[in-house]
């Protein structure tokens, strides 16, 4: 049994070890997958940021070249106007090819009153408008030098959106002499990227410091004039003129990685952005493959662990069945020993009853006859005064002793009277011999018991009262006999000195009580401590 218990402990440790091994293996596998995916994600983001930064450099260079070409045209027209005055031949000057005018949509000279003096715009009614209300006109009238770059506006001369670049015309005395204006369509700033393959959420934009876009392209769609002043871009630009950041697109709210550059000589910010979903598309595909791989490995490891655990559990259950069979054999042996003990006790009781009957029926009758003979002898005077009274006294003592012995060896009332009557008779005998007051209650005793149980209760009570009289020093005893639906309970309670049950000095009497109760499938409980009396409770199952 001990060897089997050790095997069960070993099996439990093996199962725990298998489960721990599987858990650690899966932890290592998934930790490796997560770490690898995290590294790959960082690599994709870093590559995208570097790509965006390169595109931002190209966008900056193209924007600077476009603005410089337009400014060179402004300088050329202003110089030619200063030399030729109103005789300037603007179409011939533009056609000369000195300046690249591919992106230019219109060139105009405006006098001090805001009226067009010269222009290259077809189908335009020169009397229809003045331009003194334009912001660039007011700006140059107040400043002697500088290039003005407007945000997109609806051009009156082109009848479509344009961006104006302008410079002041100064007279020889330095006074305001008008404005030279070049108009570019917003598309001109992104013409370089017209054939670029952009994804739907890719962004390319040139933005003014006030948050208005000069030109913006998202995928294949171009736009301009949007207000993105609430974008975190301007906070980053204020700290660093060149850099990158992650935020939601200010217009569509798409999470995007941006690279930006603030142009050194012009009020323009070039930005290039790629959505996080596009950047990580390949990473997500890899992650799905890795997760599938991890899931397959997890299933295989769990199947392996489950198989090992099932095998160990099956072996353990087999051994448990063997152990249960052995336990049943032990129980059968115990039942056999109980039956054998019952038979031995029954034989002892029969022997005691036989001895009691022998003493009562034979010896007592003989002594009674002796008493009668001696009584007759008393009538003869020679020896009567000395012998006869003594003989009578000894004979009477002998009779009393034999009767007491007979009562101790057998329960004379159990065969013909109830358990309650037998207990009462026992109490009368104990009270008369010891003077110990005994109270007996049996209101909840209803069901008659078989003789073997009555005899067991009688002997147990006889042993308990003997212990009380001899050892407890009690002044009163309470006996209660009761029944429930399943048990008959005998309780004996005294107010004696008690004892320490942990001291191991329960004695032969209590051992006999426990043995009698155990033989009949019952239980015994002793509640006591020094100086607090003793309570003995015996329960036997109802047959």
Protein backbone atom coordinates (compact mmCIF):
# COMPACT_ATOMS: atom_id res chain seq x y z
CA UNK A 1 0.00 0.00 0.00
CA UNK A 2 2.83 2.39 0.83
CA UNK A 3 4.55 1.51 -2.46
CA UNK A 4 1.31 2.24 -4.34
CA UNK A 5 0.88 5.54 -2.50
CA UNK A 6 4.42 6.50 -3.51
CA UNK A 7 3.58 5.58 -7.10
CA UNK A 8 0.47 7.82 -6.98
CA UNK A 9 2.63 10.67 -5.71
CA UNK A 10 5.16 10.01 -8.48
CA UNK A 11 2.38 9.92 -11.09
CA UNK A 12 1.04 13.22 -9.82
CA UNK A 13 4.49 14.76 -10.07
CA UNK A 14 4.89 13.38 -13.61
CA UNK A 15 1.56 14.88 -14.68
CA UNK A 16 2.51 18.21 -13.12
CA UNK A 17 5.90 18.02 -14.85
CA UNK A 18 4.33 17.30 -18.25
CA UNK A 19 1.89 20.18 -17.85
CA UNK A 20 4.70 22.50 -16.71
CA UNK A 21 6.88 21.43 -19.66
CA UNK A 22 4.05 22.05 -22.15
CA UNK A 23 3.31 25.41 -20.55
CA UNK A 24 6.96 26.50 -20.66
CA UNK A 25 7.37 25.28 -24.25
CA UNK A 26 4.26 27.17 -25.40
CA UNK A 27 5.39 30.24 -23.48
CA UNK A 28 8.78 30.18 -25.23
CA UNK A 29 7.20 29.64 -28.65
CA UNK A 30 4.67 32.45 -28.28
CA UNK A 31 7.22 34.77 -26.69
CA UNK A 32 9.49 34.18 -29.70
CA UNK A 33 6.63 34.83 -32.13
CA UNK A 34 5.57 38.01 -30.35
CA UNK A 35 9.17 39.26 -30.14
CA UNK A 36 9.81 38.51 -33.82
CA UNK A 37 6.59 40.23 -34.90
CA UNK A 38 7.40 43.27 -32.74
CA UNK A 39 10.85 43.55 -34.34
CA UNK A 40 9.37 43.15 -37.81
CA UNK A 41 6.74 45.79 -37.07
CA UNK A 42 9.42 48.27 -35.99
CA UNK A 43 11.42 47.46 -39.13
CA UNK A 44 8.40 48.13 -41.40
CA UNK A 45 7.67 51.42 -39.65
CA UNK A 46 11.31 52.53 -39.80
CA UNK A 47 11.49 51.66 -43.50
CA UNK A 48 8.25 53.56 -44.19
CA UNK A 49 9.46 56.59 -42.24
CA UNK A 50 12.74 56.57 -44.19
CA UNK A 51 10.82 56.24 -47.50
CA UNK A 52 8.52 59.11 -46.53
CA UNK A 53 11.52 61.22 -45.58
CA UNK A 54 13.08 60.64 -49.02
CA UNK A 55 9.81 61.56 -50.73
CA UNK A 56 9.57 64.69 -48.58
CA UNK A 57 13.05 65.71 -49.77
CA UNK A 58 11.99 65.21 -53.39
CA UNK A 59 8.76 67.14 -52.78
CA UNK A 60 10.71 69.96 -51.15
CA UNK A 61 13.14 70.14 -54.07
CA UNK A 62 10.37 70.20 -56.67
CA UNK A 63 8.42 72.84 -54.75
CA UNK A 64 11.53 75.01 -54.39
CA UNK A 65 12.29 74.64 -58.12
CA UNK A 66 8.71 75.56 -59.05
CA UNK A 67 8.73 78.65 -56.80
CA UNK A 68 12.17 79.71 -57.99
CA UNK A 69 11.15 79.41 -61.64
CA UNK A 70 8.07 81.53 -60.93
CA UNK A 71 10.17 84.05 -58.99
CA UNK A 72 12.72 84.19 -61.81
CA UNK A 73 9.89 84.97 -64.21
CA UNK A 74 8.69 87.73 -61.84
CA UNK A 75 12.18 89.21 -61.72
CA UNK A 76 12.51 89.06 -65.53
CA UNK A 77 9.14 90.75 -66.17
CA UNK A 78 9.81 93.40 -63.52
CA UNK A 79 13.24 94.13 -65.07
CA UNK A 80 11.85 94.32 -68.58
CA UNK A 81 8.99 96.57 -67.42
CA UNK A 82 11.47 98.88 -65.72
CA UNK A 83 13.43 99.08 -69.00
CA UNK A 84 10.56 99.24 -71.53
CA UNK A 85 7.69 100.68 -69.52
CA UNK A 86 4.28 100.38 -71.09
CA UNK A 87 5.93 99.28 -74.35
CA UNK A 88 6.80 95.90 -72.84
CA UNK A 89 5.90 93.02 -75.15
CA UNK A 90 4.90 90.41 -72.59
CA UNK A 91 3.93 87.59 -75.02
CA UNK A 92 7.25 87.91 -76.86
CA UNK A 93 9.16 87.91 -73.58
CA UNK A 94 7.46 84.75 -72.41
CA UNK A 95 7.90 83.06 -75.75
CA UNK A 96 11.62 83.71 -75.75
CA UNK A 97 12.10 80.63 -73.55
CA UNK A 98 14.50 82.31 -71.15
CA UNK A 99 12.42 81.05 -68.20
CA UNK A 100 10.56 77.71 -67.95
CA UNK A 101 6.90 78.71 -68.05
CA UNK A 102 5.46 75.19 -68.23
CA UNK A 103 3.70 75.49 -64.84
CA UNK A 104 2.67 79.14 -65.28
CA UNK A 105 -1.04 79.77 -65.91
CA UNK A 106 -0.94 83.53 -66.12
CA UNK A 107 1.36 86.58 -65.87
CA UNK A 108 0.10 90.09 -65.24
CA UNK A 109 1.35 93.62 -64.49
CA UNK A 110 -0.92 95.68 -62.23
CA UNK A 111 -0.63 99.43 -61.89
CA UNK A 112 -0.84 101.48 -58.69
CA UNK A 113 -4.63 101.64 -58.96
CA UNK A 114 -5.02 97.89 -59.16
CA UNK A 115 -5.78 97.75 -62.90
CA UNK A 116 -4.19 95.35 -65.37
CA UNK A 117 -1.61 96.97 -67.60
CA UNK A 118 -0.31 93.89 -69.37
CA UNK A 119 -1.10 90.18 -69.21
CA UNK A 120 -0.99 87.00 -71.27
CA UNK A 121 -4.48 85.77 -70.36
CA UNK A 122 -6.88 85.08 -73.23
CA UNK A 123 -10.61 85.87 -73.14
CA UNK A 124 -10.35 88.36 -70.33
CA UNK A 125 -12.38 91.59 -70.10
CA UNK A 126 -9.88 94.11 -68.88
CA UNK A 127 -12.60 96.50 -67.69
CA UNK A 128 -14.31 93.97 -65.53
CA UNK A 129 -12.12 94.04 -62.42
CA UNK A 130 -9.59 95.86 -60.38
CA UNK A 131 -7.19 94.07 -58.05
CA UNK A 132 -6.54 96.64 -55.36
CA UNK A 133 -8.48 94.50 -52.88
CA UNK A 134 -6.17 91.53 -53.31
CA UNK A 135 -4.03 90.68 -50.30
CA UNK A 136 -0.82 90.57 -52.32
CA UNK A 137 -1.52 94.08 -53.67
CA UNK A 138 -1.92 95.50 -50.16
CA UNK A 139 1.11 93.56 -48.94
CA UNK A 140 3.45 95.00 -51.60
CA UNK A 141 2.11 98.53 -51.23
CA UNK A 142 3.25 98.45 -47.59
CA UNK A 143 6.61 96.73 -48.21
CA UNK A 144 9.48 97.64 -50.51
CA UNK A 145 10.96 94.18 -50.93
CA UNK A 146 9.98 90.53 -50.76
CA UNK A 147 8.27 87.68 -52.57
CA UNK A 148 4.63 87.14 -51.71
CA UNK A 149 3.18 83.60 -51.94
CA UNK A 150 -0.57 83.44 -51.52
CA UNK A 151 -2.73 80.54 -50.43
CA UNK A 152 -5.12 79.09 -53.05
CA UNK A 153 -7.91 81.48 -54.12
CA UNK A 154 -10.42 81.80 -56.94
CA UNK A 155 -8.69 83.77 -59.70
CA UNK A 156 -10.79 86.42 -61.40
CA UNK A 157 -8.67 86.29 -64.53
CA UNK A 158 -8.48 82.47 -64.79
CA UNK A 159 -11.94 81.74 -63.30
CA UNK A 160 -10.41 78.84 -61.34
CA UNK A 161 -8.30 78.25 -58.25
CA UNK A 162 -4.76 79.52 -58.39
CA UNK A 163 -1.77 80.40 -56.22
CA UNK A 164 -0.29 83.84 -56.77
CA UNK A 165 3.40 84.72 -56.53
CA UNK A 166 4.09 88.45 -56.73
CA UNK A 167 6.76 91.13 -56.41
CA UNK A 168 6.59 94.90 -56.06
CA UNK A 169 7.41 97.30 -58.87
CA UNK A 170 9.32 100.26 -57.51
CA UNK A 171 9.73 103.59 -59.29
CA UNK A 172 13.14 105.27 -59.54
CA UNK A 173 12.33 107.29 -56.44
CA UNK A 174 11.44 104.08 -54.54
CA UNK A 175 7.70 104.69 -54.45
CA UNK A 176 5.09 102.06 -55.19
CA UNK A 177 4.73 101.49 -58.91
CA UNK A 178 2.51 98.40 -59.10
CA UNK A 179 2.79 94.64 -58.81
CA UNK A 180 3.97 91.82 -61.06
CA UNK A 181 1.92 88.65 -60.52
CA UNK A 182 2.46 85.06 -61.65
CA UNK A 183 -0.43 82.61 -61.16
CA UNK A 184 0.10 78.86 -60.77
CA UNK A 185 -2.54 76.24 -60.50
CA UNK A 186 -2.17 74.12 -57.30
CA UNK A 187 -1.61 71.11 -59.50
CA UNK A 188 1.67 72.65 -60.67
CA UNK A 189 3.26 71.95 -57.31
CA UNK A 190 2.48 68.22 -57.60
CA UNK A 191 2.95 67.75 -61.35
CA UNK A 192 6.09 65.75 -60.66
CA UNK A 193 3.95 63.10 -58.91
CA UNK A 194 1.20 62.92 -61.55
CA UNK A 195 2.28 59.51 -62.70
CA UNK A 196 3.44 58.26 -59.29
CA UNK A 197 1.77 55.07 -58.04
CA UNK A 198 0.22 56.11 -54.74
CA UNK A 199 -1.94 53.94 -52.54
CA UNK A 200 -5.41 55.15 -51.63
CA UNK A 201 -4.34 56.52 -48.24
CA UNK A 202 -0.91 57.90 -49.22
CA UNK A 203 -0.62 61.66 -48.71
CA UNK A 204 1.55 64.33 -50.39
CA UNK A 205 0.93 67.94 -49.46
CA UNK A 206 2.40 71.44 -49.36
CA UNK A 207 1.03 73.48 -46.47
CA UNK A 208 1.19 77.13 -45.51
CA UNK A 209 2.22 78.05 -41.94
CA UNK A 210 -1.38 79.10 -41.20
CA UNK A 211 -2.60 75.54 -41.95
CA UNK A 212 -4.06 76.13 -45.45
CA UNK A 213 -2.91 73.58 -48.02
CA UNK A 214 -1.30 74.87 -51.22
CA UNK A 215 -1.74 71.48 -52.86
CA UNK A 216 -2.62 68.06 -51.52
CA UNK A 217 -2.89 64.62 -53.04
CA UNK A 218 -4.46 61.59 -51.37
CA UNK A 219 -4.09 58.55 -53.58
CA UNK A 220 -5.27 59.75 -57.01
CA UNK A 221 -7.37 62.63 -55.68
CA UNK A 222 -5.94 66.15 -55.60
CA UNK A 223 -7.26 68.99 -53.44
CA UNK A 224 -6.20 72.38 -52.09
CA UNK A 225 -7.30 75.10 -49.74
CA UNK A 226 -8.17 72.78 -46.80
CA UNK A 227 -7.68 74.11 -43.28
CA UNK A 228 -5.61 71.65 -41.22
CA UNK A 229 -4.44 74.16 -38.63
CA UNK A 230 -5.46 71.76 -35.81
CA UNK A 231 -3.03 69.11 -37.00
CA UNK A 232 -0.16 68.24 -34.59
CA UNK A 233 2.18 68.92 -37.53
CA UNK A 234 2.71 72.55 -36.52
CA UNK A 235 3.72 71.64 -32.97
CA UNK A 236 6.38 69.30 -34.36
CA UNK A 237 7.57 71.90 -36.88
CA UNK A 238 7.89 74.48 -34.11
CA UNK A 239 10.28 72.15 -32.27
CA UNK A 240 12.14 70.70 -35.25
CA UNK A 241 12.06 71.89 -38.90
CA UNK A 242 12.61 68.34 -40.18
CA UNK A 243 11.25 65.14 -38.67
CA UNK A 244 8.45 62.61 -38.53
CA UNK A 245 5.50 61.75 -36.29
CA UNK A 246 2.46 59.48 -35.99
CA UNK A 247 -1.08 60.89 -35.85
CA UNK A 248 -4.47 60.71 -37.46
CA UNK A 249 -4.90 62.45 -40.78
CA UNK A 250 -6.40 65.86 -39.97
CA UNK A 251 -9.09 65.52 -42.67
CA UNK A 252 -10.03 61.84 -42.84
CA UNK A 253 -8.87 60.68 -39.39
CA UNK A 254 -6.78 57.79 -40.72
CA UNK A 255 -3.82 56.75 -38.49
CA UNK A 256 -0.78 57.80 -40.52
CA UNK A 257 3.00 58.06 -40.27
CA UNK A 258 4.17 61.48 -41.56
CA UNK A 259 7.56 62.84 -42.63
CA UNK A 260 7.83 66.63 -42.95
CA UNK A 261 10.28 69.36 -44.00
CA UNK A 262 9.93 73.11 -43.57
CA UNK A 263 11.32 74.91 -46.63
CA UNK A 264 14.21 77.14 -45.62
CA UNK A 265 13.48 80.15 -47.89
CA UNK A 266 9.73 79.97 -48.39
CA UNK A 267 6.66 79.77 -46.10
CA UNK A 268 5.90 76.19 -47.08
CA UNK A 269 5.89 72.85 -45.24
CA UNK A 270 6.27 69.69 -47.31
CA UNK A 271 4.68 66.55 -45.84
CA UNK A 272 4.49 62.96 -47.02
CA UNK A 273 2.35 60.40 -45.19
CA UNK A 274 1.55 56.69 -45.37
CA UNK A 275 -1.29 55.07 -43.45
CA UNK A 276 -0.35 52.61 -40.74
CA UNK A 277 -2.61 49.97 -42.28
CA UNK A 278 -0.73 50.19 -45.61
CA UNK A 279 2.68 50.22 -43.93
CA UNK A 280 1.83 47.17 -41.83
CA UNK A 281 -0.14 45.26 -44.48
CA UNK A 282 2.75 42.89 -45.14
CA UNK A 283 3.44 42.68 -41.41
CA UNK A 284 -0.18 41.71 -40.75
CA UNK A 285 0.05 38.98 -43.41
CA UNK A 286 3.23 37.69 -41.77
CA UNK A 287 1.58 37.90 -38.36
CA UNK A 288 -1.35 35.80 -39.59
CA UNK A 289 1.09 33.16 -40.86
CA UNK A 290 3.02 33.21 -37.60
CA UNK A 291 -0.19 32.97 -35.56
CA UNK A 292 -1.33 30.01 -37.66
CA UNK A 293 2.04 28.36 -37.13
CA UNK A 294 1.89 29.08 -33.40
CA UNK A 295 -1.66 27.75 -33.21
CA UNK A 296 -0.68 24.52 -34.98
CA UNK A 297 2.31 24.07 -32.65
CA UNK A 298 0.09 24.82 -29.67
CA UNK A 299 -2.45 22.20 -30.74
CA UNK A 300 0.31 19.62 -31.29
CA UNK A 301 1.90 20.33 -27.90
CA UNK A 302 -1.48 20.20 -26.17
CA UNK A 303 -2.30 16.93 -27.92
CA UNK A 304 1.05 15.49 -26.85
CA UNK A 305 0.59 16.67 -23.29
CA UNK A 306 -3.00 15.41 -23.21
CA UNK A 307 -1.91 12.02 -24.56
CA UNK A 308 0.80 11.68 -21.91
CA UNK A 309 -1.57 12.79 -19.14
CA UNK A 310 -4.29 10.38 -20.36
CA UNK A 311 -1.83 7.47 -20.36
CA UNK A 312 -0.64 8.33 -16.86
CA UNK A 313 -4.20 8.76 -15.63
CA UNK A 314 -5.25 5.44 -17.14
CA UNK A 315 -2.38 3.69 -15.39
CA UNK A 316 -3.29 5.49 -12.20
CA UNK A 317 -6.94 4.47 -12.53
CA UNK A 318 -5.86 0.87 -13.11
CA UNK A 319 -3.79 0.96 -9.95
CA UNK A 320 -6.67 2.65 -8.12
CA UNK A 321 -8.92 -0.23 -9.13
CA UNK A 322 -6.30 -2.66 -7.80
CA UNK A 323 -6.09 -0.59 -4.64
CA UNK A 324 -9.88 -0.59 -4.33
CA UNK A 325 -9.89 -4.39 -4.70
CA UNK A 326 -7.30 -4.65 -1.97
CA UNK A 327 -9.35 -2.28 0.16
CA UNK A 328 -12.44 -4.43 -0.36
CA UNK A 329 -10.43 -7.47 0.71
CA UNK A 330 -9.36 -5.62 3.84
CA UNK A 331 -12.95 -4.60 4.51
CA UNK A 332 -14.06 -8.20 4.05
CA UNK A 333 -11.35 -9.24 6.48
CA UNK A 334 -12.54 -6.61 8.95
CA UNK A 335 -16.14 -7.78 8.58
CA UNK A 336 -14.98 -11.34 9.13
CA UNK A 337 -13.12 -10.25 12.26
CA UNK A 338 -16.21 -8.37 13.46
CA UNK A 339 -18.36 -11.44 12.91
CA UNK A 340 -15.82 -13.60 14.68
CA UNK A 341 -15.71 -11.13 17.57
CA UNK A 342 -19.53 -11.20 17.77
CA UNK A 343 -19.45 -14.95 17.97
CA UNK A 344 -16.77 -14.87 20.67
CA UNK A 345 -18.70 -12.31 22.69
CA UNK A 346 -21.89 -14.31 22.22
CA UNK A 347 -20.15 -17.43 23.46
CA UNK A 348 -18.79 -15.54 26.45
CA UNK A 349 -22.25 -14.25 27.28
CA UNK A 350 -23.74 -17.70 27.01
CA UNK A 351 -21.04 -19.02 29.30
CA UNK A 352 -21.68 -16.26 31.80
CA UNK A 353 -25.41 -16.91 31.77
CA UNK A 354 -24.78 -20.62 32.28
CA UNK A 355 -22.54 -19.90 35.26
CA UNK A 356 -25.10 -17.52 36.67
CA UNK A 357 -27.90 -20.04 36.35
CA UNK A 358 -25.71 -22.71 37.92
CA UNK A 359 -24.86 -20.56 40.91
CA UNK A 360 -28.42 -19.41 41.30
CA UNK A 361 -30.24 -22.70 40.84
CA UNK A 362 -27.84 -25.14 42.50
CA UNK A 363 -25.48 -23.50 44.94
CA UNK A 364 -28.12 -21.19 46.31
CA UNK A 365 -30.55 -24.09 46.89
CA UNK A 366 -27.87 -26.08 48.68
CA UNK A 367 -27.00 -23.21 50.94
CA UNK A 368 -30.67 -22.61 51.60
CA UNK A 369 -31.02 -26.23 52.65
CA UNK A 370 -27.99 -25.85 54.91
CA UNK A 371 -29.65 -22.86 56.47
CA UNK A 372 -32.79 -24.89 57.18
CA UNK A 373 -30.77 -27.74 58.65
CA UNK A 374 -28.87 -25.36 60.84
CA UNK A 375 -32.11 -23.73 61.94
CA UNK A 376 -33.31 -27.14 63.06
CA UNK A 377 -30.04 -27.75 64.82
CA UNK A 378 -30.55 -24.61 66.72
CA UNK A 379 -33.47 -26.24 68.33
CA UNK A 380 -31.06 -28.72 69.96
CA UNK A 381 -29.64 -27.00 72.90
CA UNK A 382 -26.14 -28.47 73.36
CA UNK A 383 -24.22 -26.30 70.84
CA UNK A 384 -26.82 -23.87 69.81
CA UNK A 385 -25.66 -20.82 71.69
CA UNK A 386 -22.34 -20.53 69.83
CA UNK A 387 -22.45 -22.32 66.47
CA UNK A 388 -25.82 -21.86 65.02
CA UNK A 389 -25.97 -18.06 64.83
CA UNK A 390 -22.52 -17.95 63.25
CA UNK A 391 -23.43 -20.55 60.69
CA UNK A 392 -26.57 -18.72 59.80
CA UNK A 393 -24.67 -15.46 59.29
CA UNK A 394 -22.05 -17.02 57.02
CA UNK A 395 -24.65 -18.78 55.00
CA UNK A 396 -26.56 -15.54 54.47
CA UNK A 397 -23.37 -13.74 53.43
CA UNK A 398 -22.62 -16.53 51.00
CA UNK A 399 -26.06 -16.28 49.50
CA UNK A 400 -25.71 -12.50 49.04
CA UNK A 401 -22.28 -12.83 47.47
CA UNK A 402 -23.43 -15.50 45.07
CA UNK A 403 -26.39 -13.44 44.05
CA UNK A 404 -24.17 -10.41 43.41
CA UNK A 405 -21.83 -12.60 41.40
CA UNK A 406 -24.71 -13.90 39.38
CA UNK A 407 -25.87 -10.40 38.59
CA UNK A 408 -22.37 -9.35 37.56
CA UNK A 409 -21.96 -12.32 35.23
CA UNK A 410 -25.31 -11.99 33.47
CA UNK A 411 -28.09 -9.51 32.79
CA UNK A 412 -30.93 -11.45 34.37
CA UNK A 413 -33.68 -9.09 33.19
CA UNK A 414 -32.72 -8.80 29.46
CA UNK A 415 -34.36 -12.07 28.54
CA UNK A 416 -37.77 -11.23 29.92
CA UNK A 417 -37.86 -7.44 30.36
CA UNK A 418 -37.09 -4.33 28.28
CA UNK A 419 -33.78 -2.48 28.12
CA UNK A 420 -35.25 0.35 30.19
CA UNK A 421 -36.24 -2.06 32.99
CA UNK A 422 -32.82 -3.72 32.89
CA UNK A 423 -31.10 -0.34 33.16
CA UNK A 424 -33.34 0.62 36.06
CA UNK A 425 -32.44 -2.62 37.83
CA UNK A 426 -28.75 -1.93 37.21
CA UNK A 427 -29.13 1.62 38.56
CA UNK A 428 -30.85 0.29 41.71
CA UNK A 429 -27.98 -2.12 42.31
CA UNK A 430 -25.32 0.61 41.78
CA UNK A 431 -27.18 3.10 43.97
CA UNK A 432 -27.72 0.61 46.78
CA UNK A 433 -24.09 -0.52 46.79
CA UNK A 434 -22.34 2.85 46.27
CA UNK A 435 -24.84 5.47 47.35
CA UNK A 436 -24.23 7.38 44.07
CA UNK A 437 -27.41 9.15 42.84
CA UNK A 438 -28.19 8.28 39.22
CA UNK A 439 -30.84 9.97 37.04
CA UNK A 440 -32.18 8.12 34.00
CA UNK A 441 -34.23 9.63 31.12
CA UNK A 442 -35.61 7.69 28.18
CA UNK A 443 -38.49 9.76 26.77
CA UNK A 444 -37.15 9.51 23.19
CA UNK A 445 -36.58 5.75 23.28
CA UNK A 446 -39.35 4.05 21.28
CA UNK A 447 -38.11 1.22 19.06
CA UNK A 448 -37.35 -2.16 20.64
CA UNK A 449 -33.83 -3.40 19.99
CA UNK A 450 -32.55 -6.91 19.25
CA UNK A 451 -31.05 -8.76 22.17
CA UNK A 452 -27.45 -8.30 21.04
CA UNK A 453 -27.82 -4.52 21.01
CA UNK A 454 -29.66 -4.50 24.36
CA UNK A 455 -26.89 -6.62 25.84
CA UNK A 456 -24.22 -4.32 24.35
CA UNK A 457 -25.87 -1.22 25.84
CA UNK A 458 -26.28 -2.98 29.17
CA UNK A 459 -22.63 -4.07 29.32
CA UNK A 460 -21.40 -0.66 28.15
CA UNK A 461 -23.47 1.10 30.82
CA UNK A 462 -22.34 -1.45 33.40
CA UNK A 463 -18.69 -0.71 32.49
CA UNK A 464 -19.25 3.06 32.45
CA UNK A 465 -20.94 3.11 35.89
CA UNK A 466 -18.17 0.92 37.26
CA UNK A 467 -15.60 3.47 35.98
CA UNK A 468 -17.57 6.36 37.50
CA UNK A 469 -17.82 4.68 40.90
CA UNK A 470 -14.19 3.60 40.98
CA UNK A 471 -12.35 6.52 39.38
CA UNK A 472 -14.33 9.73 38.89
CA UNK A 473 -15.24 10.84 42.40
CA UNK A 474 -18.56 12.06 40.96
CA UNK A 475 -21.52 13.07 43.15
CA UNK A 476 -24.17 12.53 40.49
CA UNK A 477 -24.63 10.76 37.16
CA UNK A 478 -27.07 11.50 34.32
CA UNK A 479 -28.03 8.69 31.89
CA UNK A 480 -30.02 9.38 28.72
CA UNK A 481 -31.32 6.76 26.27
CA UNK A 482 -32.68 8.19 22.99
CA UNK A 483 -33.40 7.23 19.40
CA UNK A 484 -33.41 9.03 16.03
CA UNK A 485 -34.47 7.69 12.66
CA UNK A 486 -31.12 5.97 12.20
CA UNK A 487 -29.44 5.51 15.58
CA UNK A 488 -29.92 4.58 19.22
CA UNK A 489 -27.81 6.77 21.50
CA UNK A 490 -26.73 6.15 25.10
CA UNK A 491 -25.22 9.12 26.94
CA UNK A 492 -23.59 8.88 30.38
CA UNK A 493 -22.58 12.18 31.96
CA UNK A 494 -20.91 12.67 35.39
CA UNK A 495 -19.58 15.65 37.31
CA UNK A 496 -16.39 13.94 38.42
CA UNK A 497 -12.74 14.87 38.10
CA UNK A 498 -12.46 13.97 34.43
CA UNK A 499 -9.12 13.25 32.75
CA UNK A 500 -6.86 14.32 29.88
CA UNK A 501 -7.72 12.16 26.84
CA UNK A 502 -4.39 13.10 25.19
CA UNK A 503 -2.48 11.46 28.03
CA UNK A 504 -3.37 8.02 26.65
CA UNK A 505 -4.68 6.68 29.96
CA UNK A 506 -8.14 5.66 28.79
CA UNK A 507 -7.83 2.24 30.46
CA UNK A 508 -9.25 -1.17 29.74
CA UNK A 509 -12.83 -0.14 30.51
CA UNK A 510 -13.06 2.42 27.71
CA UNK A 511 -11.31 0.02 25.35
CA UNK A 512 -13.95 -2.61 26.06
CA UNK A 513 -16.68 -0.05 25.48
CA UNK A 514 -15.21 0.97 22.13
CA UNK A 515 -14.76 -2.65 21.06
CA UNK A 516 -18.39 -3.55 21.83
CA UNK A 517 -19.68 -0.54 19.90
CA UNK A 518 -17.36 -1.16 16.94
CA UNK A 519 -18.45 -4.80 16.63
CA UNK A 520 -22.06 -3.69 16.09
CA UNK A 521 -21.10 -0.95 13.61
CA UNK A 522 -21.44 1.85 16.15
CA UNK A 523 -19.29 4.73 17.35
CA UNK A 524 -18.01 6.03 20.67
CA UNK A 525 -17.15 9.58 21.72
CA UNK A 526 -15.63 10.68 25.03
CA UNK A 527 -15.69 14.37 25.99
CA UNK A 528 -13.65 15.23 29.07
CA UNK A 529 -10.91 17.37 30.54
CA UNK A 530 -9.41 17.57 34.00
CA UNK A 531 -11.85 18.97 36.57
CA UNK A 532 -14.80 19.18 34.12
CA UNK A 533 -16.40 15.74 34.34
CA UNK A 534 -16.82 13.20 31.59
CA UNK A 535 -19.47 12.61 28.92
CA UNK A 536 -19.60 9.23 27.16
CA UNK A 537 -21.76 8.96 24.00
CA UNK A 538 -22.35 5.61 22.30
CA UNK A 539 -24.31 5.30 19.02
CA UNK A 540 -25.51 2.05 17.47
CA UNK A 541 -27.37 1.90 14.16
CA UNK A 542 -30.95 0.80 14.18
CA UNK A 543 -31.32 -2.66 12.62
